[in-house]
Protein backbone atom coordinates (compact mmCIF):
# COMPACT_ATOMS: atom_id res chain seq x y z
CA UNK A 1 10.22 -22.36 -19.68
CA UNK A 2 10.90 -22.53 -15.88
CA UNK A 3 10.14 -19.83 -13.00
CA UNK A 4 11.25 -19.84 -9.71
CA UNK A 5 9.10 -18.02 -7.07
CA UNK A 6 10.08 -17.14 -3.85
CA UNK A 7 10.03 -16.21 -0.60
CA UNK A 8 7.15 -18.06 0.51
CA UNK A 9 6.32 -18.39 4.19
CA UNK A 10 3.72 -21.69 3.61
CA UNK A 11 0.36 -22.24 2.24
CA UNK A 12 -0.85 -21.90 6.14
CA UNK A 13 -1.23 -18.62 4.79
CA UNK A 14 -3.82 -19.15 2.09
CA UNK A 15 -3.32 -15.84 0.62
CA UNK A 16 0.04 -16.92 -0.16
CA UNK A 17 -1.17 -20.08 -1.60
CA UNK A 18 -3.30 -18.51 -4.06
CA UNK A 19 -0.72 -16.25 -5.42
CA UNK A 20 0.93 -19.55 -6.01
CA UNK A 21 -2.00 -21.40 -7.45
CA UNK A 22 -2.79 -18.59 -9.44
CA UNK A 23 1.10 -17.56 -10.71
CA UNK A 24 1.65 -21.08 -11.85
CA UNK A 25 -1.58 -20.87 -13.97
CA UNK A 26 -1.13 -17.33 -15.37
CA UNK A 27 2.39 -18.04 -16.10
CA UNK A 28 2.08 -21.43 -17.56
CA UNK A 29 5.60 -21.98 -16.67
CA UNK A 30 7.14 -24.95 -15.19
CA UNK A 31 7.01 -23.58 -11.56
CA UNK A 32 9.64 -24.46 -8.52
CA UNK A 33 8.54 -23.05 -5.12
CA UNK A 34 10.95 -22.14 -2.69
CA UNK A 35 9.20 -22.33 0.37
CA UNK A 36 9.78 -21.94 3.88
CA UNK A 37 7.30 -24.53 4.99
CA UNK A 38 7.18 -27.59 2.29
CA UNK A 39 5.29 -29.70 4.48
CA UNK A 40 2.72 -26.85 5.14
CA UNK A 41 2.29 -26.66 1.12
CA UNK A 42 2.04 -30.37 0.70
CA UNK A 43 -0.83 -30.50 3.11
CA UNK A 44 -2.50 -28.10 1.34
CA UNK A 45 -2.21 -30.01 -2.00
CA UNK A 46 0.24 -27.25 -3.29
CA UNK A 47 2.30 -29.65 -4.74
CA UNK A 48 -0.06 -30.41 -7.71
CA UNK A 49 0.54 -27.28 -9.39
CA UNK A 50 4.16 -26.54 -8.71
CA UNK A 51 7.23 -28.52 -7.79
CA UNK A 52 8.08 -27.48 -3.94
CA UNK A 53 11.77 -26.82 -2.57
CA UNK A 54 13.01 -26.24 0.64
CA UNK A 55 14.44 -22.41 0.38
CA UNK A 56 17.07 -22.66 2.92
CA UNK A 57 19.88 -24.97 4.96
CA UNK A 58 20.52 -25.28 8.53
CA UNK A 59 23.81 -24.12 9.23
CA UNK A 60 25.86 -26.91 11.49
CA UNK A 61 28.78 -25.39 13.63
CA UNK A 62 32.02 -26.38 12.84
CA UNK A 63 31.29 -27.69 9.16
CA UNK A 64 34.14 -26.30 6.42
CA UNK A 65 31.15 -24.26 5.08
CA UNK A 66 30.32 -22.54 8.13
CA UNK A 67 34.07 -21.91 8.96
CA UNK A 68 34.37 -20.57 5.16
CA UNK A 69 31.32 -18.15 6.22
CA UNK A 70 32.48 -17.04 9.50
CA UNK A 71 36.11 -16.12 7.78
CA UNK A 72 34.06 -14.39 5.29
CA UNK A 73 32.23 -12.61 7.75
CA UNK A 74 34.82 -11.77 10.54
CA UNK A 75 37.72 -11.07 7.78
CA UNK A 76 36.43 -9.90 5.02
CA UNK A 77 33.16 -7.97 6.28
CA UNK A 78 30.73 -10.03 4.64
CA UNK A 79 27.67 -8.98 6.79
CA UNK A 80 25.45 -11.53 4.46
CA UNK A 81 28.20 -14.56 4.62
CA UNK A 82 25.43 -16.49 6.56
CA UNK A 83 22.24 -15.79 4.66
CA UNK A 84 24.51 -16.46 1.59
CA UNK A 85 24.94 -20.00 2.88
CA UNK A 86 21.30 -20.42 4.08
CA UNK A 87 19.62 -19.44 0.96
CA UNK A 88 21.85 -21.42 -1.04
CA UNK A 89 18.85 -23.76 -2.32
CA UNK A 90 17.71 -20.30 -4.00
CA UNK A 91 20.60 -19.52 -5.59
CA UNK A 92 20.99 -23.24 -7.23
CA UNK A 93 17.89 -23.76 -8.42
CA UNK A 94 18.09 -19.76 -10.24
CA UNK A 95 20.83 -21.02 -12.43
CA UNK A 96 18.23 -23.33 -13.97
CA UNK A 97 15.43 -21.09 -14.06
CA UNK A 98 14.47 -17.95 -16.67
CA UNK A 99 12.76 -16.04 -14.22
CA UNK A 100 12.44 -15.80 -10.82
CA UNK A 101 9.16 -14.01 -9.11
CA UNK A 102 9.71 -12.30 -5.72
CA UNK A 103 5.73 -13.04 -4.65
CA UNK A 104 5.79 -11.78 -1.13
CA UNK A 105 3.28 -8.74 -2.15
CA UNK A 106 3.88 -6.44 0.70
CA UNK A 107 7.44 -7.83 2.12
CA UNK A 108 8.84 -4.60 1.33
CA UNK A 109 6.35 -2.83 4.05
CA UNK A 110 7.80 -4.09 7.31
CA UNK A 111 11.25 -2.26 7.37
CA UNK A 112 14.57 -3.37 5.41
CA UNK A 113 14.46 -7.17 4.09
CA UNK A 114 18.34 -7.45 3.67
CA UNK A 115 17.94 -11.29 2.79
CA UNK A 116 15.87 -10.10 0.11
CA UNK A 117 18.23 -7.72 -0.79
CA UNK A 118 20.96 -10.55 -0.58
CA UNK A 119 18.59 -12.90 -2.93
CA UNK A 120 17.90 -10.06 -5.82
CA UNK A 121 21.66 -9.11 -5.92
CA UNK A 122 22.69 -12.85 -6.11
CA UNK A 123 20.05 -13.55 -8.74
CA UNK A 124 21.04 -10.58 -10.82
CA UNK A 125 25.18 -11.68 -10.96
CA UNK A 126 23.25 -15.20 -12.37
CA UNK A 127 21.49 -13.02 -15.68
CA UNK A 128 18.39 -14.34 -13.72
CA UNK A 129 15.03 -12.17 -14.92
CA UNK A 130 13.90 -11.09 -11.91
CA UNK A 131 10.03 -9.82 -11.45
CA UNK A 132 8.35 -8.30 -8.07
CA UNK A 133 5.73 -9.71 -8.73
CA UNK A 134 1.69 -8.33 -7.39
CA UNK A 135 3.16 -5.74 -4.70
CA UNK A 136 2.06 -3.19 -2.16
CA UNK A 137 4.36 -0.49 -1.17
CA UNK A 138 3.85 2.76 1.38
CA UNK A 139 5.08 5.22 -0.87
CA UNK A 140 6.60 6.93 2.24
CA UNK A 141 9.12 3.84 2.06
CA UNK A 142 10.34 4.34 -1.70
CA UNK A 143 13.54 5.95 -1.13
CA UNK A 144 17.26 5.06 0.22
CA UNK A 145 18.53 1.60 -0.31
CA UNK A 146 14.57 0.25 -1.02
CA UNK A 147 14.53 2.53 -4.17
CA UNK A 148 17.78 1.22 -4.96
CA UNK A 149 16.52 -2.42 -4.66
CA UNK A 150 13.75 -1.77 -6.54
CA UNK A 151 15.47 -0.57 -9.81
CA UNK A 152 17.79 -3.94 -9.73
CA UNK A 153 14.23 -5.78 -10.70
CA UNK A 154 13.70 -6.38 -14.47
CA UNK A 155 10.04 -5.83 -14.19
CA UNK A 156 7.49 -4.86 -11.27
CA UNK A 157 3.71 -5.35 -11.16
CA UNK A 158 1.99 -3.27 -8.49
CA UNK A 159 -1.23 -5.02 -7.70
CA UNK A 160 -3.03 -1.19 -6.64
CA UNK A 161 -2.92 2.08 -8.46
CA UNK A 162 -1.76 3.80 -5.37
CA UNK A 163 1.54 1.83 -5.27
CA UNK A 164 1.99 1.97 -8.92
CA UNK A 165 1.68 5.88 -8.99
CA UNK A 166 4.09 5.67 -6.07
CA UNK A 167 6.99 3.79 -8.14
CA UNK A 168 6.64 5.53 -11.03
CA UNK A 169 7.20 9.25 -9.55
CA UNK A 170 10.44 7.72 -7.96
CA UNK A 171 11.42 7.26 -11.76
CA UNK A 172 10.70 3.30 -11.99
CA UNK A 173 10.01 3.61 -15.52
CA UNK A 174 9.21 -0.79 -15.68
CA UNK A 175 6.43 -0.84 -13.50
CA UNK A 176 2.93 -2.00 -14.96
CA UNK A 177 -0.31 -1.96 -13.04
CA UNK A 178 -2.02 -5.19 -13.20
CA UNK A 179 -4.61 -6.64 -10.19
CA UNK A 180 -3.34 -9.28 -7.42
CA UNK A 181 -3.31 -12.65 -9.17
CA UNK A 182 -5.44 -14.24 -6.61
CA UNK A 183 -8.56 -12.40 -7.89
CA UNK A 184 -8.04 -15.10 -10.85
CA UNK A 185 -8.76 -18.31 -7.96
CA UNK A 186 -10.85 -20.73 -8.82
CA UNK A 187 -13.50 -21.90 -7.00
CA UNK A 188 -13.44 -25.83 -5.14
CA UNK A 189 -16.82 -27.71 -3.62
CA UNK A 190 -16.43 -28.01 -0.11
CA UNK A 191 -18.96 -29.49 2.42
CA UNK A 192 -20.76 -25.86 3.67
CA UNK A 193 -21.09 -25.61 7.88
CA UNK A 194 -23.58 -26.71 9.45
CA UNK A 195 -26.63 -23.73 9.85
CA UNK A 196 -24.51 -22.34 6.91
CA UNK A 197 -27.44 -20.46 5.30
CA UNK A 198 -26.32 -19.69 1.42
CA UNK A 199 -26.43 -16.45 0.64
CA UNK A 200 -27.89 -15.07 3.91
CA UNK A 201 -24.27 -15.27 5.85
CA UNK A 202 -22.14 -12.78 6.92
CA UNK A 203 -18.23 -13.98 6.63
CA UNK A 204 -16.22 -12.43 9.44
CA UNK A 205 -12.71 -12.64 9.09
CA UNK A 206 -10.47 -11.20 11.72
CA UNK A 207 -6.64 -11.23 12.23
CA UNK A 208 -4.18 -11.29 15.13
CA UNK A 209 -2.22 -8.38 13.43
CA UNK A 210 -4.60 -6.09 13.06
CA UNK A 211 -5.13 -6.20 17.02
CA UNK A 212 -1.49 -4.84 17.10
CA UNK A 213 -2.36 -1.92 15.22
CA UNK A 214 -5.58 -0.65 16.64
CA UNK A 215 -5.28 1.99 19.33
CA UNK A 216 -5.43 -1.70 21.87
CA UNK A 217 -6.43 -5.05 21.23
CA UNK A 218 -9.37 -5.02 23.38
CA UNK A 219 -11.15 -2.22 21.15
CA UNK A 220 -10.67 -4.00 18.18
CA UNK A 221 -11.91 -7.16 19.61
CA UNK A 222 -14.83 -5.12 21.26
CA UNK A 223 -15.57 -3.45 17.71
CA UNK A 224 -15.89 -7.18 16.36
CA UNK A 225 -18.11 -8.08 19.15
CA UNK A 226 -20.36 -5.60 19.02
CA UNK A 227 -20.77 -5.83 14.81
CA UNK A 228 -21.92 -9.36 15.84
CA UNK A 229 -24.24 -8.29 18.60
CA UNK A 230 -26.14 -6.20 16.28
CA UNK A 231 -26.35 -8.57 13.60
CA UNK A 232 -27.69 -11.15 15.36
CA UNK A 233 -30.51 -8.75 17.16
CA UNK A 234 -31.17 -6.59 14.18
CA UNK A 235 -30.70 -9.04 11.40
CA UNK A 236 -31.76 -12.67 10.50
CA UNK A 237 -28.58 -13.56 8.82
CA UNK A 238 -26.22 -16.04 10.08
CA UNK A 239 -22.19 -15.50 11.01
CA UNK A 240 -19.39 -17.72 9.72
CA UNK A 241 -16.34 -17.24 10.75
CA UNK A 242 -13.54 -17.78 8.76
CA UNK A 243 -9.91 -17.98 9.08
CA UNK A 244 -7.52 -17.29 6.25
CA UNK A 245 -4.52 -17.74 7.80
CA UNK A 246 -3.35 -20.26 10.50
CA UNK A 247 0.12 -20.42 11.00
CA UNK A 248 2.36 -20.91 14.22
CA UNK A 249 2.02 -16.86 16.43
CA UNK A 250 -0.06 -15.93 13.71
CA UNK A 251 -3.56 -17.91 13.60
CA UNK A 252 -6.70 -16.14 12.63
CA UNK A 253 -8.55 -19.13 14.69
CA UNK A 254 -7.23 -17.52 18.10
CA UNK A 255 -9.42 -14.38 17.88
CA UNK A 256 -12.37 -16.34 15.90
CA UNK A 257 -12.88 -18.85 18.80
CA UNK A 258 -13.13 -15.67 21.29
CA UNK A 259 -15.55 -14.44 19.36
CA UNK A 260 -17.46 -17.86 18.67
CA UNK A 261 -17.49 -18.35 22.76
CA UNK A 262 -18.70 -15.06 23.13
CA UNK A 263 -21.88 -15.85 20.82
CA UNK A 264 -22.18 -19.65 20.50
CA UNK A 265 -25.67 -19.94 22.67
CA UNK A 266 -27.14 -18.01 19.65
CA UNK A 267 -27.15 -21.04 17.14
CA UNK A 268 -26.10 -18.58 14.57
CA UNK A 269 -22.84 -18.04 14.46
CA UNK A 270 -20.53 -21.26 13.35
CA UNK A 271 -16.43 -21.47 12.80
CA UNK A 272 -15.30 -22.61 9.59
CA UNK A 273 -12.78 -25.24 9.97
CA UNK A 274 -9.36 -24.59 8.26
CA UNK A 275 -8.75 -25.88 4.40
CA UNK A 276 -7.02 -24.89 1.07
CA UNK A 277 -7.83 -21.57 -0.60
CA UNK A 278 -10.03 -22.65 -3.50
CA UNK A 279 -12.18 -24.35 -0.52
CA UNK A 280 -12.09 -21.64 1.31
CA UNK A 281 -13.02 -19.26 -1.80
CA UNK A 282 -16.07 -21.44 -2.46
CA UNK A 283 -17.28 -20.67 1.25
CA UNK A 284 -17.02 -17.09 0.88
CA UNK A 285 -18.63 -16.97 -2.16
CA UNK A 286 -22.13 -18.18 -0.54
CA UNK A 287 -21.55 -15.33 1.76
CA UNK A 288 -24.15 -12.45 1.46
CA UNK A 289 -21.36 -10.08 2.86
CA UNK A 290 -17.95 -10.22 3.84
CA UNK A 291 -16.13 -8.49 6.60
CA UNK A 292 -12.02 -9.11 6.16
CA UNK A 293 -8.85 -8.00 7.73
CA UNK A 294 -6.63 -10.51 5.46
CA UNK A 295 -6.24 -8.76 2.14
CA UNK A 296 -6.70 -12.35 0.40
CA UNK A 297 -9.99 -12.95 2.17
CA UNK A 298 -11.05 -9.75 0.90
CA UNK A 299 -10.11 -10.44 -2.60
CA UNK A 300 -11.50 -14.01 -2.19
CA UNK A 301 -15.05 -12.05 -1.63
CA UNK A 302 -14.50 -8.76 -4.47
CA UNK A 303 -14.06 -11.45 -7.19
CA UNK A 304 -17.06 -13.04 -6.09
CA UNK A 305 -19.31 -10.43 -5.86
CA UNK A 306 -19.96 -10.25 -2.42
CA UNK A 307 -20.36 -6.83 -0.94
CA UNK A 308 -17.28 -6.30 1.58
CA UNK A 309 -15.76 -4.11 3.99
CA UNK A 310 -11.97 -4.41 4.60
CA UNK A 311 -10.33 -3.74 7.90
CA UNK A 312 -7.05 -2.17 6.52
CA UNK A 313 -3.76 -0.81 8.10
CA UNK A 314 -1.90 -0.54 5.05
CA UNK A 315 -1.63 0.79 1.55
CA UNK A 316 -2.65 -2.55 0.03
CA UNK A 317 -6.26 -2.33 1.48
CA UNK A 318 -6.72 1.19 0.68
CA UNK A 319 -5.54 0.80 -2.96
CA UNK A 320 -7.64 -2.64 -4.02
CA UNK A 321 -10.64 -0.78 -2.70
CA UNK A 322 -9.93 2.58 -5.11
CA UNK A 323 -9.29 0.44 -8.14
CA UNK A 324 -12.37 -1.47 -8.18
CA UNK A 325 -15.08 1.21 -6.35
CA UNK A 326 -13.13 4.26 -7.42
CA UNK A 327 -12.90 5.26 -4.05
CA UNK A 328 -11.47 3.56 -0.31
CA UNK A 329 -13.77 5.53 1.53
CA UNK A 330 -16.69 3.49 3.28
CA UNK A 331 -15.34 0.48 1.58
CA UNK A 332 -12.01 0.22 4.07
CA UNK A 333 -11.70 0.79 7.71
CA UNK A 334 -8.67 1.35 8.96
CA UNK A 335 -8.40 -0.09 12.10
CA UNK A 336 -6.80 2.95 14.03
CA UNK A 337 -9.59 4.34 13.52
CA UNK A 338 -11.58 2.22 15.49
CA UNK A 339 -11.70 4.33 18.63
CA UNK A 340 -15.25 3.75 19.90
CA UNK A 341 -17.00 0.25 20.11
CA UNK A 342 -19.58 1.15 17.35
CA UNK A 343 -17.07 1.60 14.17
CA UNK A 344 -17.42 -1.28 12.64
CA UNK A 345 -21.09 -1.93 13.13
CA UNK A 346 -21.85 1.81 12.14
CA UNK A 347 -19.16 1.20 8.74
CA UNK A 348 -21.06 -2.44 7.75
CA UNK A 349 -24.71 -1.09 8.48
CA UNK A 350 -23.56 1.82 5.53
CA UNK A 351 -22.51 -1.66 3.64
CA UNK A 352 -26.26 -3.32 4.19
CA UNK A 353 -27.59 -0.28 3.09
CA UNK A 354 -25.69 0.05 -0.49
CA UNK A 355 -25.83 -3.34 -1.03
CA UNK A 356 -27.67 -3.32 -4.10
CA UNK A 357 -25.68 -0.38 -5.60
CA UNK A 358 -22.39 -2.47 -4.74
CA UNK A 359 -23.52 -5.28 -6.22
CA UNK A 360 -24.42 -3.18 -9.41
CA UNK A 361 -20.84 -1.84 -9.52
CA UNK A 362 -19.08 -5.46 -9.06
CA UNK A 363 -21.81 -6.38 -12.59
CA UNK A 364 -20.15 -3.40 -14.68
CA UNK A 365 -16.44 -3.58 -13.24
CA UNK A 366 -15.24 -7.27 -11.79
CA UNK A 367 -15.11 -9.29 -14.81
CA UNK A 368 -12.85 -6.69 -16.70
CA UNK A 369 -11.10 -6.56 -13.57
CA UNK A 370 -10.33 -10.14 -13.12
CA UNK A 371 -9.20 -9.95 -17.00
CA UNK A 372 -6.70 -7.61 -16.10
CA UNK A 373 -4.97 -9.69 -13.62
CA UNK A 374 -5.20 -12.59 -15.86
CA UNK A 375 -3.56 -10.31 -18.31
CA UNK A 376 -0.38 -10.36 -16.29
CA UNK A 377 0.27 -13.57 -17.24
CA UNK A 378 0.11 -12.49 -20.75
CA UNK A 379 2.44 -9.84 -20.64
CA UNK A 380 4.82 -12.09 -18.89
CA UNK A 381 5.05 -14.43 -21.50
CA UNK A 382 5.49 -11.71 -24.06
CA UNK A 383 8.47 -10.37 -22.37
């Protein structure tokens, strides 16, 4: 069986990398990854689990294909004429595939994605079995054109219950609930940073994205800064600054470097260098606690039984925490709620107080939760 994975921006987003690796493993298929950044994927070694193709072509003015697209656009009103040409590599490979997985878990949370609508419609015309894989969607967005789009998929696998229930409430009966496939990602041995104290280090992740969701960038940074200040003053733990997305214009290392410069004289804070998802998971597994803005940094921590505070801005963080702990309260701090300088420290202090109870919850639930993520692959094989 051959399976197509799309859309994929590149493995510099290590959450996307984790999804590609685990989907390849769980489906047991011959996987073709349609990527916007093949060189990035090859750099992180993703070529060892799938075949990588460039997902789009550059349109050159004056070529016959360009003129045909221009004619369709202007004379026939085909607004998708140029996108249809750009994404031709996906359509060509789809003809040879048994299924196509749309793997951008929250792509439908950021306004109407017309290029995804186009690709999905074209795949359906070609009789390809289509899957929306490991998705999270804000319930208030599920209407109109998006609802019509979701109805086209053969199967929707929601990664948390808030999304699954909202989809079913809209009459979509081809929805199942399975945890994010990245829960099944393995660990790979790697060199730990100097001064890393196993099981007594707090992993800290912050993203440029959450800076834009808070009431102000300064308020979010001040919360992180105060958190680290209190950890260094009131505990004997070290702090590891862990990037999980290192892409142009969306690089976790930028705010993390600012934090490092502020506290580097303590000699108890250090920056984790960029590396593949399985190695980042190994480092996160050695932490005592994790504070994570990136969803897949929190998933790496959850799956390794590390007490974790997720800094959330959307349904995905709330839904995943609710499914693991029975509630998102206390386990997710919405970035929009950071109104004082000590909101983050206050939430983290509760996490420390509840450390034993949280670890006990993991012992009761996490093994089965990961098995359910793996079961999504078995479900697909039985389709």
